[in-house]
Amino acid sequence: MTNRIKVERAILNLTQEDLANRISVSRQTITALDANKYEPSTVLALKIARVFSKPVEEIFFLEDKD
């Protein structure tokens, strides 16, 4: 799975720390998400989508290998 979290953060001018605080996770979690090294739980993906006011499918994308 890949994601657009880094791009969406830039659009809203949010730092990793800002997003982490909004969804109650560590900055390290956002770092891992930005690098596509961590696949979030459904609840976390929904929280992230809510911050960006977009459907989950516009932020997270399945790859062929998924």
N, C-alpha and C. Protein backbone atom coordinates (compact mmCIF):
# COMPACT_ATOMS: atom_id res chain seq x y z
N MET A 1 0.85 -1.17 0.00
CA MET A 1 0.00 0.00 0.00
C MET A 1 0.90 1.23 0.00
N THR A 2 0.49 2.22 -0.76
CA THR A 2 1.17 3.52 -0.76
C THR A 2 0.17 4.57 -0.30
N ASN A 3 0.69 5.77 -0.06
CA ASN A 3 -0.21 6.83 0.39
C ASN A 3 0.26 8.20 -0.06
N ARG A 4 -0.63 9.17 0.09
CA ARG A 4 -0.35 10.56 -0.26
C ARG A 4 -0.28 11.45 0.99
N ILE A 5 0.05 10.89 2.12
CA ILE A 5 0.02 11.66 3.36
C ILE A 5 0.98 12.84 3.30
N LYS A 6 2.18 12.61 2.80
CA LYS A 6 3.16 13.69 2.72
C LYS A 6 2.65 14.84 1.86
N VAL A 7 2.05 14.51 0.73
CA VAL A 7 1.49 15.52 -0.18
C VAL A 7 0.34 16.26 0.49
N GLU A 8 -0.55 15.50 1.11
CA GLU A 8 -1.71 16.12 1.77
C GLU A 8 -1.28 17.01 2.93
N ARG A 9 -0.25 16.60 3.65
CA ARG A 9 0.27 17.45 4.74
C ARG A 9 0.79 18.76 4.18
N ALA A 10 1.50 18.69 3.06
CA ALA A 10 2.06 19.89 2.43
C ALA A 10 0.95 20.84 1.98
N ILE A 11 -0.12 20.29 1.44
CA ILE A 11 -1.24 21.12 0.98
C ILE A 11 -1.82 21.91 2.15
N LEU A 12 -1.93 21.27 3.32
CA LEU A 12 -2.49 21.94 4.50
C LEU A 12 -1.42 22.60 5.37
N ASN A 13 -0.16 22.52 4.91
CA ASN A 13 0.95 23.10 5.66
C ASN A 13 1.04 22.52 7.07
N LEU A 14 0.89 21.21 7.18
CA LEU A 14 0.98 20.51 8.46
C LEU A 14 2.34 19.82 8.58
N THR A 15 2.97 19.94 9.72
CA THR A 15 4.19 19.19 9.98
C THR A 15 3.80 17.78 10.39
N GLN A 16 4.80 16.91 10.45
CA GLN A 16 4.54 15.56 10.95
C GLN A 16 4.00 15.63 12.38
N GLU A 17 4.58 16.51 13.17
CA GLU A 17 4.13 16.67 14.56
C GLU A 17 2.69 17.15 14.63
N ASP A 18 2.32 18.11 13.77
CA ASP A 18 0.94 18.61 13.73
C ASP A 18 -0.05 17.48 13.47
N LEU A 19 0.24 16.69 12.43
CA LEU A 19 -0.67 15.59 12.09
C LEU A 19 -0.70 14.56 13.21
N ALA A 20 0.46 14.24 13.75
CA ALA A 20 0.52 13.27 14.85
C ALA A 20 -0.35 13.71 16.02
N ASN A 21 -0.27 14.98 16.38
CA ASN A 21 -1.08 15.49 17.48
C ASN A 21 -2.57 15.42 17.18
N ARG A 22 -2.94 15.70 15.94
CA ARG A 22 -4.37 15.68 15.57
C ARG A 22 -4.98 14.29 15.63
N ILE A 23 -4.17 13.26 15.40
CA ILE A 23 -4.72 11.90 15.38
C ILE A 23 -4.20 11.04 16.53
N SER A 24 -3.52 11.67 17.47
CA SER A 24 -3.05 11.02 18.71
C SER A 24 -2.11 9.84 18.48
N VAL A 25 -1.10 10.07 17.64
CA VAL A 25 -0.03 9.09 17.45
C VAL A 25 1.30 9.82 17.60
N SER A 26 2.39 9.07 17.57
CA SER A 26 3.71 9.69 17.67
C SER A 26 4.14 10.26 16.32
N ARG A 27 5.08 11.19 16.37
CA ARG A 27 5.64 11.74 15.13
C ARG A 27 6.33 10.64 14.35
N GLN A 28 6.90 9.67 15.05
CA GLN A 28 7.58 8.55 14.39
C GLN A 28 6.60 7.72 13.54
N THR A 29 5.37 7.62 13.99
CA THR A 29 4.35 6.91 13.21
C THR A 29 4.11 7.64 11.89
N ILE A 30 4.03 8.97 11.94
CA ILE A 30 3.83 9.75 10.71
C ILE A 30 5.05 9.64 9.81
N THR A 31 6.24 9.63 10.39
CA THR A 31 7.46 9.45 9.60
C THR A 31 7.41 8.13 8.84
N ALA A 32 7.01 7.07 9.52
CA ALA A 32 6.91 5.75 8.88
C ALA A 32 5.83 5.74 7.80
N LEU A 33 4.71 6.40 8.06
CA LEU A 33 3.65 6.48 7.05
C LEU A 33 4.13 7.26 5.82
N ASP A 34 4.80 8.40 6.05
CA ASP A 34 5.32 9.19 4.94
C ASP A 34 6.25 8.38 4.05
N ALA A 35 7.01 7.49 4.66
CA ALA A 35 7.98 6.67 3.92
C ALA A 35 7.36 5.37 3.40
N ASN A 36 6.06 5.20 3.58
CA ASN A 36 5.37 3.97 3.15
C ASN A 36 5.96 2.72 3.80
N LYS A 37 6.40 2.86 5.05
CA LYS A 37 6.98 1.73 5.79
C LYS A 37 6.02 1.19 6.84
N TYR A 38 4.83 1.73 6.87
CA TYR A 38 3.85 1.33 7.89
C TYR A 38 2.46 1.39 7.29
N GLU A 39 1.70 0.34 7.48
CA GLU A 39 0.31 0.32 7.01
C GLU A 39 -0.59 0.55 8.21
N PRO A 40 -1.37 1.61 8.17
CA PRO A 40 -2.19 1.95 9.33
C PRO A 40 -3.39 1.02 9.51
N SER A 41 -3.88 1.00 10.72
CA SER A 41 -5.12 0.29 11.00
C SER A 41 -6.26 1.02 10.28
N THR A 42 -7.38 0.38 10.20
CA THR A 42 -8.56 1.03 9.59
C THR A 42 -8.93 2.29 10.34
N VAL A 43 -8.91 2.22 11.66
CA VAL A 43 -9.27 3.39 12.49
C VAL A 43 -8.30 4.53 12.22
N LEU A 44 -7.01 4.25 12.17
CA LEU A 44 -6.02 5.29 11.93
C LEU A 44 -6.18 5.88 10.53
N ALA A 45 -6.42 5.04 9.54
CA ALA A 45 -6.63 5.53 8.17
C ALA A 45 -7.85 6.45 8.11
N LEU A 46 -8.90 6.09 8.82
CA LEU A 46 -10.10 6.94 8.83
C LEU A 46 -9.84 8.27 9.53
N LYS A 47 -9.06 8.25 10.60
CA LYS A 47 -8.71 9.51 11.29
C LYS A 47 -7.90 10.42 10.37
N ILE A 48 -6.95 9.83 9.65
CA ILE A 48 -6.14 10.60 8.72
C ILE A 48 -7.01 11.19 7.62
N ALA A 49 -7.89 10.40 7.07
CA ALA A 49 -8.80 10.88 6.02
C ALA A 49 -9.66 12.03 6.53
N ARG A 50 -10.10 11.94 7.75
CA ARG A 50 -10.93 13.00 8.33
C ARG A 50 -10.15 14.31 8.43
N VAL A 51 -8.88 14.25 8.84
CA VAL A 51 -8.05 15.46 8.93
C VAL A 51 -7.96 16.13 7.57
N PHE A 52 -7.80 15.34 6.52
CA PHE A 52 -7.65 15.88 5.18
C PHE A 52 -8.97 16.12 4.46
N SER A 53 -10.07 15.77 5.12
CA SER A 53 -11.42 15.93 4.53
C SER A 53 -11.54 15.26 3.18
N LYS A 54 -11.00 14.04 3.11
CA LYS A 54 -11.04 13.27 1.87
C LYS A 54 -11.39 11.82 2.18
N PRO A 55 -11.93 11.10 1.21
CA PRO A 55 -12.18 9.67 1.40
C PRO A 55 -10.85 8.92 1.55
N VAL A 56 -10.87 7.85 2.27
CA VAL A 56 -9.67 7.03 2.48
C VAL A 56 -9.03 6.65 1.14
N GLU A 57 -9.86 6.35 0.15
CA GLU A 57 -9.36 5.91 -1.16
C GLU A 57 -8.59 6.99 -1.90
N GLU A 58 -8.70 8.25 -1.48
CA GLU A 58 -7.93 9.31 -2.12
C GLU A 58 -6.60 9.54 -1.42
N ILE A 59 -6.37 8.84 -0.33
CA ILE A 59 -5.12 8.99 0.43
C ILE A 59 -4.29 7.71 0.38
N PHE A 60 -4.95 6.56 0.44
CA PHE A 60 -4.26 5.27 0.46
C PHE A 60 -4.59 4.48 -0.80
N PHE A 61 -3.55 3.83 -1.36
CA PHE A 61 -3.71 3.09 -2.62
C PHE A 61 -3.09 1.71 -2.51
N LEU A 62 -3.83 0.70 -2.94
CA LEU A 62 -3.30 -0.65 -3.00
C LEU A 62 -2.36 -0.77 -4.20
N GLU A 63 -1.31 -1.54 -4.00
CA GLU A 63 -0.39 -1.83 -5.11
C GLU A 63 -0.72 -3.21 -5.66
N ASP A 64 -0.19 -3.53 -6.82
CA ASP A 64 -0.46 -4.84 -7.43
C ASP A 64 -0.06 -5.98 -6.50
N LYS A 65 1.01 -5.81 -5.75
CA LYS A 65 1.49 -6.88 -4.87
C LYS A 65 0.60 -7.06 -3.63
N ASP A 66 -0.29 -6.10 -3.36
CA ASP A 66 -1.21 -6.21 -2.23
C ASP A 66 -2.31 -7.15 -2.62
